[in-house]
Amino acid sequence: MSQNNHKVEYTTVSIPKPLAEKIKERMKGTGFSSVSAYVTYVLRQVLSSIEEEERNKQAFTKEEEEQVKQRLRDLGYLD
């Protein structure tokens, strides 16, 4: 049986002490063992949400796209 030896590297991020204290209060009862673990979880959630919003963004809805195409056809720009 092979073990998964993916080692995650970490870096240090400094935050103001008052913010760290607020985070400690907020994480009570969550099961997180450290501010670092909690902040990592929250940042992953935020980034995931932003990335999903970006994937779902479209310049035009399908209906708007069809209207633009039809207008371009009417003007002779598209066949």
PDB file of N, CA and C in Angstrom:
ATOM      1  N   MET A   1       0.859  -1.170   0.000  1.00  0.00           N
ATOM      2  CA  MET A   1       0.000   0.000   0.000  1.00  0.00           C
ATOM      3  C   MET A   1       0.905   1.232   0.000  1.00  0.00           C
ATOM      4  N   SER A   2       0.649   2.163  -0.910  1.00  0.00           N
ATOM      5  CA  SER A   2       1.474   3.374  -0.968  1.00  0.00           C
ATOM      6  C   SER A   2       0.819   4.481  -0.155  1.00  0.00           C
ATOM      7  N   GLN A   3       1.666   5.225   0.533  1.00  0.00           N
ATOM      8  CA  GLN A   3       1.153   6.345   1.305  1.00  0.00           C
ATOM      9  C   GLN A   3       1.197   7.597   0.464  1.00  0.00           C
ATOM     10  N   ASN A   4       0.266   8.470   0.707  1.00  0.00           N
ATOM     11  CA  ASN A   4       0.204   9.741   0.007  1.00  0.00           C
ATOM     12  C   ASN A   4       1.152  10.706   0.710  1.00  0.00           C
ATOM     13  N   ASN A   5       2.268  11.034   0.071  1.00  0.00           N
ATOM     14  CA  ASN A   5       3.286  11.873   0.698  1.00  0.00           C
ATOM     15  C   ASN A   5       3.246  13.301   0.196  1.00  0.00           C
ATOM     16  N   HIS A   6       2.068  13.846   0.018  1.00  0.00           N
ATOM     17  CA  HIS A   6       1.938  15.243  -0.399  1.00  0.00           C
ATOM     18  C   HIS A   6       2.133  16.121   0.830  1.00  0.00           C
ATOM     19  N   LYS A   7       3.265  16.777   0.878  1.00  0.00           N
ATOM     20  CA  LYS A   7       3.548  17.648   2.017  1.00  0.00           C
ATOM     21  C   LYS A   7       3.154  19.068   1.649  1.00  0.00           C
ATOM     22  N   VAL A   8       2.308  19.654   2.459  1.00  0.00           N
ATOM     23  CA  VAL A   8       1.856  21.017   2.233  1.00  0.00           C
ATOM     24  C   VAL A   8       2.826  21.960   2.924  1.00  0.00           C
ATOM     25  N   GLU A   9       3.279  22.947   2.197  1.00  0.00           N
ATOM     26  CA  GLU A   9       4.157  23.948   2.790  1.00  0.00           C
ATOM     27  C   GLU A   9       3.309  25.110   3.293  1.00  0.00           C
ATOM     28  N   TYR A  10       3.770  25.740   4.336  1.00  0.00           N
ATOM     29  CA  TYR A  10       3.044  26.847   4.940  1.00  0.00           C
ATOM     30  C   TYR A  10       3.897  28.105   4.958  1.00  0.00           C
ATOM     31  N   THR A  11       3.227  29.217   5.082  1.00  0.00           N
ATOM     32  CA  THR A  11       3.890  30.500   5.251  1.00  0.00           C
ATOM     33  C   THR A  11       3.229  31.210   6.424  1.00  0.00           C
ATOM     34  N   THR A  12       3.843  32.246   6.883  1.00  0.00           N
ATOM     35  CA  THR A  12       3.305  32.996   8.013  1.00  0.00           C
ATOM     36  C   THR A  12       2.648  34.278   7.520  1.00  0.00           C
ATOM     37  N   VAL A  13       1.466  34.544   8.044  1.00  0.00           N
ATOM     38  CA  VAL A  13       0.752  35.785   7.749  1.00  0.00           C
ATOM     39  C   VAL A  13       0.480  36.455   9.088  1.00  0.00           C
ATOM     40  N   SER A  14       0.784  37.717   9.178  1.00  0.00           N
ATOM     41  CA  SER A  14       0.553  38.456  10.424  1.00  0.00           C
ATOM     42  C   SER A  14      -0.755  39.227  10.333  1.00  0.00           C
ATOM     43  N   ILE A  15      -1.518  39.157  11.405  1.00  0.00           N
ATOM     44  CA  ILE A  15      -2.753  39.938  11.484  1.00  0.00           C
ATOM     45  C   ILE A  15      -2.713  40.730  12.791  1.00  0.00           C
ATOM     46  N   PRO A  16      -3.432  41.822  12.863  1.00  0.00           N
ATOM     47  CA  PRO A  16      -3.459  42.609  14.098  1.00  0.00           C
ATOM     48  C   PRO A  16      -4.009  41.780  15.265  1.00  0.00           C
ATOM     49  N   LYS A  17      -3.470  41.987  16.452  1.00  0.00           N
ATOM     50  CA  LYS A  17      -3.901  41.233  17.636  1.00  0.00           C
ATOM     51  C   LYS A  17      -5.394  41.377  17.918  1.00  0.00           C
ATOM     52  N   PRO A  18      -5.965  42.588  17.786  1.00  0.00           N
ATOM     53  CA  PRO A  18      -7.417  42.685  18.026  1.00  0.00           C
ATOM     54  C   PRO A  18      -8.229  41.791  17.072  1.00  0.00           C
ATOM     55  N   LEU A  19      -7.783  41.671  15.843  1.00  0.00           N
ATOM     56  CA  LEU A  19      -8.471  40.795  14.892  1.00  0.00           C
ATOM     57  C   LEU A  19      -8.313  39.335  15.313  1.00  0.00           C
ATOM     58  N   ALA A  20      -7.121  38.959  15.738  1.00  0.00           N
ATOM     59  CA  ALA A  20      -6.887  37.589  16.202  1.00  0.00           C
ATOM     60  C   ALA A  20      -7.789  37.265  17.392  1.00  0.00           C
ATOM     61  N   GLU A  21      -7.976  38.229  18.277  1.00  0.00           N
ATOM     62  CA  GLU A  21      -8.853  38.015  19.434  1.00  0.00           C
ATOM     63  C   GLU A  21     -10.307  37.829  18.994  1.00  0.00           C
ATOM     64  N   LYS A  22     -10.744  38.612  18.026  1.00  0.00           N
ATOM     65  CA  LYS A  22     -12.114  38.457  17.502  1.00  0.00           C
ATOM     66  C   LYS A  22     -12.288  37.083  16.871  1.00  0.00           C
ATOM     67  N   ILE A  23     -11.253  36.645  16.158  1.00  0.00           N
ATOM     68  CA  ILE A  23     -11.312  35.327  15.519  1.00  0.00           C
ATOM     69  C   ILE A  23     -11.392  34.236  16.582  1.00  0.00           C
ATOM     70  N   LYS A  24     -10.600  34.360  17.642  1.00  0.00           N
ATOM     71  CA  LYS A  24     -10.643  33.376  18.737  1.00  0.00           C
ATOM     72  C   LYS A  24     -12.047  33.282  19.327  1.00  0.00           C
ATOM     73  N   GLU A  25     -12.692  34.419  19.501  1.00  0.00           N
ATOM     74  CA  GLU A  25     -14.060  34.423  20.026  1.00  0.00           C
ATOM     75  C   GLU A  25     -15.020  33.753  19.049  1.00  0.00           C
ATOM     76  N   ARG A  26     -14.886  34.077  17.779  1.00  0.00           N
ATOM     77  CA  ARG A  26     -15.794  33.548  16.766  1.00  0.00           C
ATOM     78  C   ARG A  26     -15.629  32.041  16.591  1.00  0.00           C
ATOM     79  N   MET A  27     -14.418  31.534  16.771  1.00  0.00           N
ATOM     80  CA  MET A  27     -14.169  30.118  16.502  1.00  0.00           C
ATOM     81  C   MET A  27     -14.530  29.205  17.672  1.00  0.00           C
ATOM     82  N   LYS A  28     -14.923  29.778  18.806  1.00  0.00           N
ATOM     83  CA  LYS A  28     -15.313  28.948  19.951  1.00  0.00           C
ATOM     84  C   LYS A  28     -16.452  28.018  19.552  1.00  0.00           C
ATOM     85  N   GLY A  29     -16.291  26.758  19.906  1.00  0.00           N
ATOM     86  CA  GLY A  29     -17.324  25.776  19.621  1.00  0.00           C
ATOM     87  C   GLY A  29     -17.321  25.259  18.196  1.00  0.00           C
ATOM     88  N   THR A  30     -16.350  25.660  17.399  1.00  0.00           N
ATOM     89  CA  THR A  30     -16.313  25.216  16.004  1.00  0.00           C
ATOM     90  C   THR A  30     -15.500  23.944  15.808  1.00  0.00           C
ATOM     91  N   GLY A  31     -14.665  23.610  16.778  1.00  0.00           N
ATOM     92  CA  GLY A  31     -13.824  22.431  16.637  1.00  0.00           C
ATOM     93  C   GLY A  31     -12.452  22.737  16.063  1.00  0.00           C
ATOM     94  N   PHE A  32     -12.236  23.972  15.667  1.00  0.00           N
ATOM     95  CA  PHE A  32     -10.914  24.342  15.167  1.00  0.00           C
ATOM     96  C   PHE A  32      -9.965  24.470  16.351  1.00  0.00           C
ATOM     97  N   SER A  33      -8.740  23.990  16.148  1.00  0.00           N
ATOM     98  CA  SER A  33      -7.777  23.968  17.249  1.00  0.00           C
ATOM     99  C   SER A  33      -6.883  25.196  17.294  1.00  0.00           C
ATOM    100  N   SER A  34      -6.910  25.995  16.234  1.00  0.00           N
ATOM    101  CA  SER A  34      -6.043  27.178  16.216  1.00  0.00           C
ATOM    102  C   SER A  34      -6.642  28.261  15.331  1.00  0.00           C
ATOM    103  N   VAL A  35      -6.209  29.478  15.583  1.00  0.00           N
ATOM    104  CA  VAL A  35      -6.624  30.601  14.737  1.00  0.00           C
ATOM    105  C   VAL A  35      -6.185  30.335  13.304  1.00  0.00           C
ATOM    106  N   SER A  36      -4.988  29.800  13.145  1.00  0.00           N
ATOM    107  CA  SER A  36      -4.456  29.521  11.814  1.00  0.00           C
ATOM    108  C   SER A  36      -5.357  28.557  11.040  1.00  0.00           C
ATOM    109  N   ALA A  37      -5.788  27.482  11.691  1.00  0.00           N
ATOM    110  CA  ALA A  37      -6.659  26.505  11.031  1.00  0.00           C
ATOM    111  C   ALA A  37      -7.994  27.138  10.654  1.00  0.00           C
ATOM    112  N   TYR A  38      -8.548  27.936  11.551  1.00  0.00           N
ATOM    113  CA  TYR A  38      -9.830  28.591  11.290  1.00  0.00           C
ATOM    114  C   TYR A  38      -9.716  29.586  10.142  1.00  0.00           C
ATOM    115  N   VAL A  39      -8.675  30.418  10.166  1.00  0.00           N
ATOM    116  CA  VAL A  39      -8.479  31.418   9.110  1.00  0.00           C
ATOM    117  C   VAL A  39      -8.249  30.726   7.768  1.00  0.00           C
ATOM    118  N   THR A  40      -7.493  29.633   7.758  1.00  0.00           N
ATOM    119  CA  THR A  40      -7.272  28.879   6.523  1.00  0.00           C
ATOM    120  C   THR A  40      -8.603  28.393   5.961  1.00  0.00           C
ATOM    121  N   TYR A  41      -9.454  27.845   6.819  1.00  0.00           N
ATOM    122  CA  TYR A  41     -10.765  27.369   6.386  1.00  0.00           C
ATOM    123  C   TYR A  41     -11.607  28.509   5.813  1.00  0.00           C
ATOM    124  N   VAL A  42     -11.668  29.615   6.530  1.00  0.00           N
ATOM    125  CA  VAL A  42     -12.477  30.755   6.088  1.00  0.00           C
ATOM    126  C   VAL A  42     -11.963  31.297   4.756  1.00  0.00           C
ATOM    127  N   LEU A  43     -10.658  31.443   4.621  1.00  0.00           N
ATOM    128  CA  LEU A  43     -10.097  31.955   3.365  1.00  0.00           C
ATOM    129  C   LEU A  43     -10.389  31.015   2.203  1.00  0.00           C
ATOM    130  N   ARG A  44     -10.317  29.718   2.438  1.00  0.00           N
ATOM    131  CA  ARG A  44     -10.653  28.758   1.367  1.00  0.00           C
ATOM    132  C   ARG A  44     -12.111  28.923   0.945  1.00  0.00           C
ATOM    133  N   GLN A  45     -12.995  29.106   1.921  1.00  0.00           N
ATOM    134  CA  GLN A  45     -14.413  29.291   1.610  1.00  0.00           C
ATOM    135  C   GLN A  45     -14.636  30.566   0.801  1.00  0.00           C
ATOM    136  N   VAL A  46     -13.991  31.642   1.216  1.00  0.00           N
ATOM    137  CA  VAL A  46     -14.138  32.928   0.521  1.00  0.00           C
ATOM    138  C   VAL A  46     -13.605  32.820  -0.901  1.00  0.00           C
ATOM    139  N   LEU A  47     -12.412  32.265  -1.056  1.00  0.00           N
ATOM    140  CA  LEU A  47     -11.820  32.139  -2.392  1.00  0.00           C
ATOM    141  C   LEU A  47     -12.653  31.236  -3.287  1.00  0.00           C
ATOM    142  N   SER A  48     -13.170  30.155  -2.728  1.00  0.00           N
ATOM    143  CA  SER A  48     -14.017  29.250  -3.500  1.00  0.00           C
ATOM    144  C   SER A  48     -15.267  29.976  -3.993  1.00  0.00           C
ATOM    145  N   SER A  49     -15.861  30.770  -3.128  1.00  0.00           N
ATOM    146  CA  SER A  49     -17.051  31.534  -3.490  1.00  0.00           C
ATOM    147  C   SER A  49     -16.751  32.545  -4.596  1.00  0.00           C
ATOM    148  N   ILE A  50     -15.639  33.244  -4.477  1.00  0.00           N
ATOM    149  CA  ILE A  50     -15.246  34.230  -5.493  1.00  0.00           C
ATOM    150  C   ILE A  50     -14.985  33.544  -6.825  1.00  0.00           C
ATOM    151  N   GLU A  51     -14.268  32.416  -6.785  1.00  0.00           N
ATOM    152  CA  GLU A  51     -13.960  31.693  -8.019  1.00  0.00           C
ATOM    153  C   GLU A  51     -15.232  31.196  -8.695  1.00  0.00           C
ATOM    154  N   GLU A  52     -16.189  30.722  -7.905  1.00  0.00           N
ATOM    155  CA  GLU A  52     -17.449  30.255  -8.483  1.00  0.00           C
ATOM    156  C   GLU A  52     -18.212  31.405  -9.125  1.00  0.00           C
ATOM    157  N   GLU A  53     -18.241  32.556  -8.458  1.00  0.00           N
ATOM    158  CA  GLU A  53     -18.901  33.731  -9.036  1.00  0.00           C
ATOM    159  C   GLU A  53     -18.254  34.112 -10.361  1.00  0.00           C
ATOM    160  N   GLU A  54     -16.934  34.061 -10.409  1.00  0.00           N
ATOM    161  CA  GLU A  54     -16.221  34.409 -11.640  1.00  0.00           C
ATOM    162  C   GLU A  54     -16.541  33.424 -12.758  1.00  0.00           C
ATOM    163  N   ARG A  55     -16.656  32.129 -12.417  1.00  0.00           N
ATOM    164  CA  ARG A  55     -16.997  31.120 -13.430  1.00  0.00           C
ATOM    165  C   ARG A  55     -18.407  31.339 -13.965  1.00  0.00           C
ATOM    166  N   ASN A  56     -19.295  31.802 -13.097  1.00  0.00           N
ATOM    167  CA  ASN A  56     -20.690  31.971 -13.483  1.00  0.00           C
ATOM    168  C   ASN A  56     -20.977  33.295 -14.171  1.00  0.00           C
ATOM    169  N   LYS A  57     -19.998  34.192 -14.142  1.00  0.00           N
ATOM    170  CA  LYS A  57     -20.204  35.495 -14.778  1.00  0.00           C
ATOM    171  C   LYS A  57     -20.221  35.345 -16.289  1.00  0.00           C
ATOM    172  N   GLN A  58     -21.127  36.040 -16.907  1.00  0.00           N
ATOM    173  CA  GLN A  58     -21.182  36.115 -18.359  1.00  0.00           C
ATOM    174  C   GLN A  58     -21.419  37.568 -18.716  1.00  0.00           C
ATOM    175  N   ALA A  59     -20.812  37.993 -19.812  1.00  0.00           N
ATOM    176  CA  ALA A  59     -21.009  39.367 -20.261  1.00  0.00           C
ATOM    177  C   ALA A  59     -22.478  39.587 -20.613  1.00  0.00           C
ATOM    178  N   PHE A  60     -23.076  38.585 -21.241  1.00  0.00           N
ATOM    179  CA  PHE A  60     -24.479  38.664 -21.652  1.00  0.00           C
ATOM    180  C   PHE A  60     -25.183  37.379 -21.263  1.00  0.00           C
ATOM    181  N   THR A  61     -26.487  37.486 -21.013  1.00  0.00           N
ATOM    182  CA  THR A  61     -27.284  36.280 -20.880  1.00  0.00           C
ATOM    183  C   THR A  61     -27.436  35.700 -22.274  1.00  0.00           C
ATOM    184  N   LYS A  62     -27.883  34.470 -22.363  1.00  0.00           N
ATOM    185  CA  LYS A  62     -28.087  33.845 -23.679  1.00  0.00           C
ATOM    186  C   LYS A  62     -29.085  34.663 -24.506  1.00  0.00           C
ATOM    187  N   GLU A  63     -30.118  35.148 -23.845  1.00  0.00           N
ATOM    188  CA  GLU A  63     -31.132  35.949 -24.542  1.00  0.00           C
ATOM    189  C   GLU A  63     -30.522  37.239 -25.087  1.00  0.00           C
ATOM    190  N   GLU A  64     -29.717  37.914 -24.259  1.00  0.00           N
ATOM    191  CA  GLU A  64     -29.070  39.150 -24.712  1.00  0.00           C
ATOM    192  C   GLU A  64     -28.109  38.874 -25.862  1.00  0.00           C
ATOM    193  N   GLU A  65     -27.386  37.765 -25.769  1.00  0.00           N
ATOM    194  CA  GLU A  65     -26.455  37.396 -26.837  1.00  0.00           C
ATOM    195  C   GLU A  65     -27.201  37.190 -28.152  1.00  0.00           C
ATOM    196  N   GLU A  66     -28.338  36.513 -28.085  1.00  0.00           N
ATOM    197  CA  GLU A  66     -29.127  36.286 -29.299  1.00  0.00           C
ATOM    198  C   GLU A  66     -29.662  37.601 -29.865  1.00  0.00           C
ATOM    199  N   GLN A  67     -30.050  38.520 -28.986  1.00  0.00           N
ATOM    200  CA  GLN A  67     -30.529  39.824 -29.449  1.00  0.00           C
ATOM    201  C   GLN A  67     -29.419  40.594 -30.159  1.00  0.00           C
ATOM    202  N   VAL A  68     -28.216  40.551 -29.610  1.00  0.00           N
ATOM    203  CA  VAL A  68     -27.079  41.232 -30.241  1.00  0.00           C
ATOM    204  C   VAL A  68     -26.778  40.595 -31.589  1.00  0.00           C
ATOM    205  N   LYS A  69     -26.773  39.264 -31.634  1.00  0.00           N
ATOM    206  CA  LYS A  69     -26.505  38.575 -32.902  1.00  0.00           C
ATOM    207  C   LYS A  69     -27.559  38.927 -33.944  1.00  0.00           C
ATOM    208  N   GLN A  70     -28.822  38.952 -33.517  1.00  0.00           N
ATOM    209  CA  GLN A  70     -29.885  39.287 -34.458  1.00  0.00           C
ATOM    210  C   GLN A  70     -29.726  40.713 -34.964  1.00  0.00           C
ATOM    211  N   ARG A  71     -29.374  41.612 -34.096  1.00  0.00           N
ATOM    212  CA  ARG A  71     -29.164  43.009 -34.505  1.00  0.00           C
ATOM    213  C   ARG A  71     -28.010  43.104 -35.493  1.00  0.00           C
ATOM    214  N   LEU A  72     -26.928  42.367 -35.241  1.00  0.00           N
ATOM    215  CA  LEU A  72     -25.793  42.358 -36.176  1.00  0.00           C
ATOM    216  C   LEU A  72     -26.193  41.750 -37.516  1.00  0.00           C
ATOM    217  N   ARG A  73     -27.052  40.724 -37.494  1.00  0.00           N
ATOM    218  CA  ARG A  73     -27.563  40.149 -38.749  1.00  0.00           C
ATOM    219  C   ARG A  73     -28.391  41.191 -39.496  1.00  0.00           C
ATOM    220  N   ASP A  74     -29.272  41.874 -38.753  1.00  0.00           N
ATOM    221  CA  ASP A  74     -30.124  42.894 -39.362  1.00  0.00           C
ATOM    222  C   ASP A  74     -29.306  44.011 -39.998  1.00  0.00           C
ATOM    223  N   LEU A  75     -28.155  44.302 -39.417  1.00  0.00           N
ATOM    224  CA  LEU A  75     -27.284  45.355 -39.952  1.00  0.00           C
ATOM    225  C   LEU A  75     -26.345  44.844 -41.041  1.00  0.00           C
ATOM    226  N   GLY A  76     -26.395  43.522 -41.287  1.00  0.00           N
ATOM    227  CA  GLY A  76     -25.577  42.960 -42.353  1.00  0.00           C
ATOM    228  C   GLY A  76     -24.178  42.549 -41.941  1.00  0.00           C
ATOM    229  N   TYR A  77     -23.897  42.552 -40.652  1.00  0.00           N
ATOM    230  CA  TYR A  77     -22.563  42.166 -40.186  1.00  0.00           C
ATOM    231  C   TYR A  77     -22.405  40.654 -40.037  1.00  0.00           C
ATOM    232  N   LEU A  78     -23.493  39.948 -39.846  1.00  0.00           N
ATOM    233  CA  LEU A  78     -23.462  38.488 -39.727  1.00  0.00           C
ATOM    234  C   LEU A  78     -24.385  37.884 -40.768  1.00  0.00           C
ATOM    235  N   ASP A  79     -24.012  36.702 -41.219  1.00  0.00           N
ATOM    236  CA  ASP A  79     -24.865  35.975 -42.179  1.00  0.00           C
ATOM    237  C   ASP A  79     -25.850  35.107 -41.460  1.00  0.00           C
TER     238      ASP A  79
END
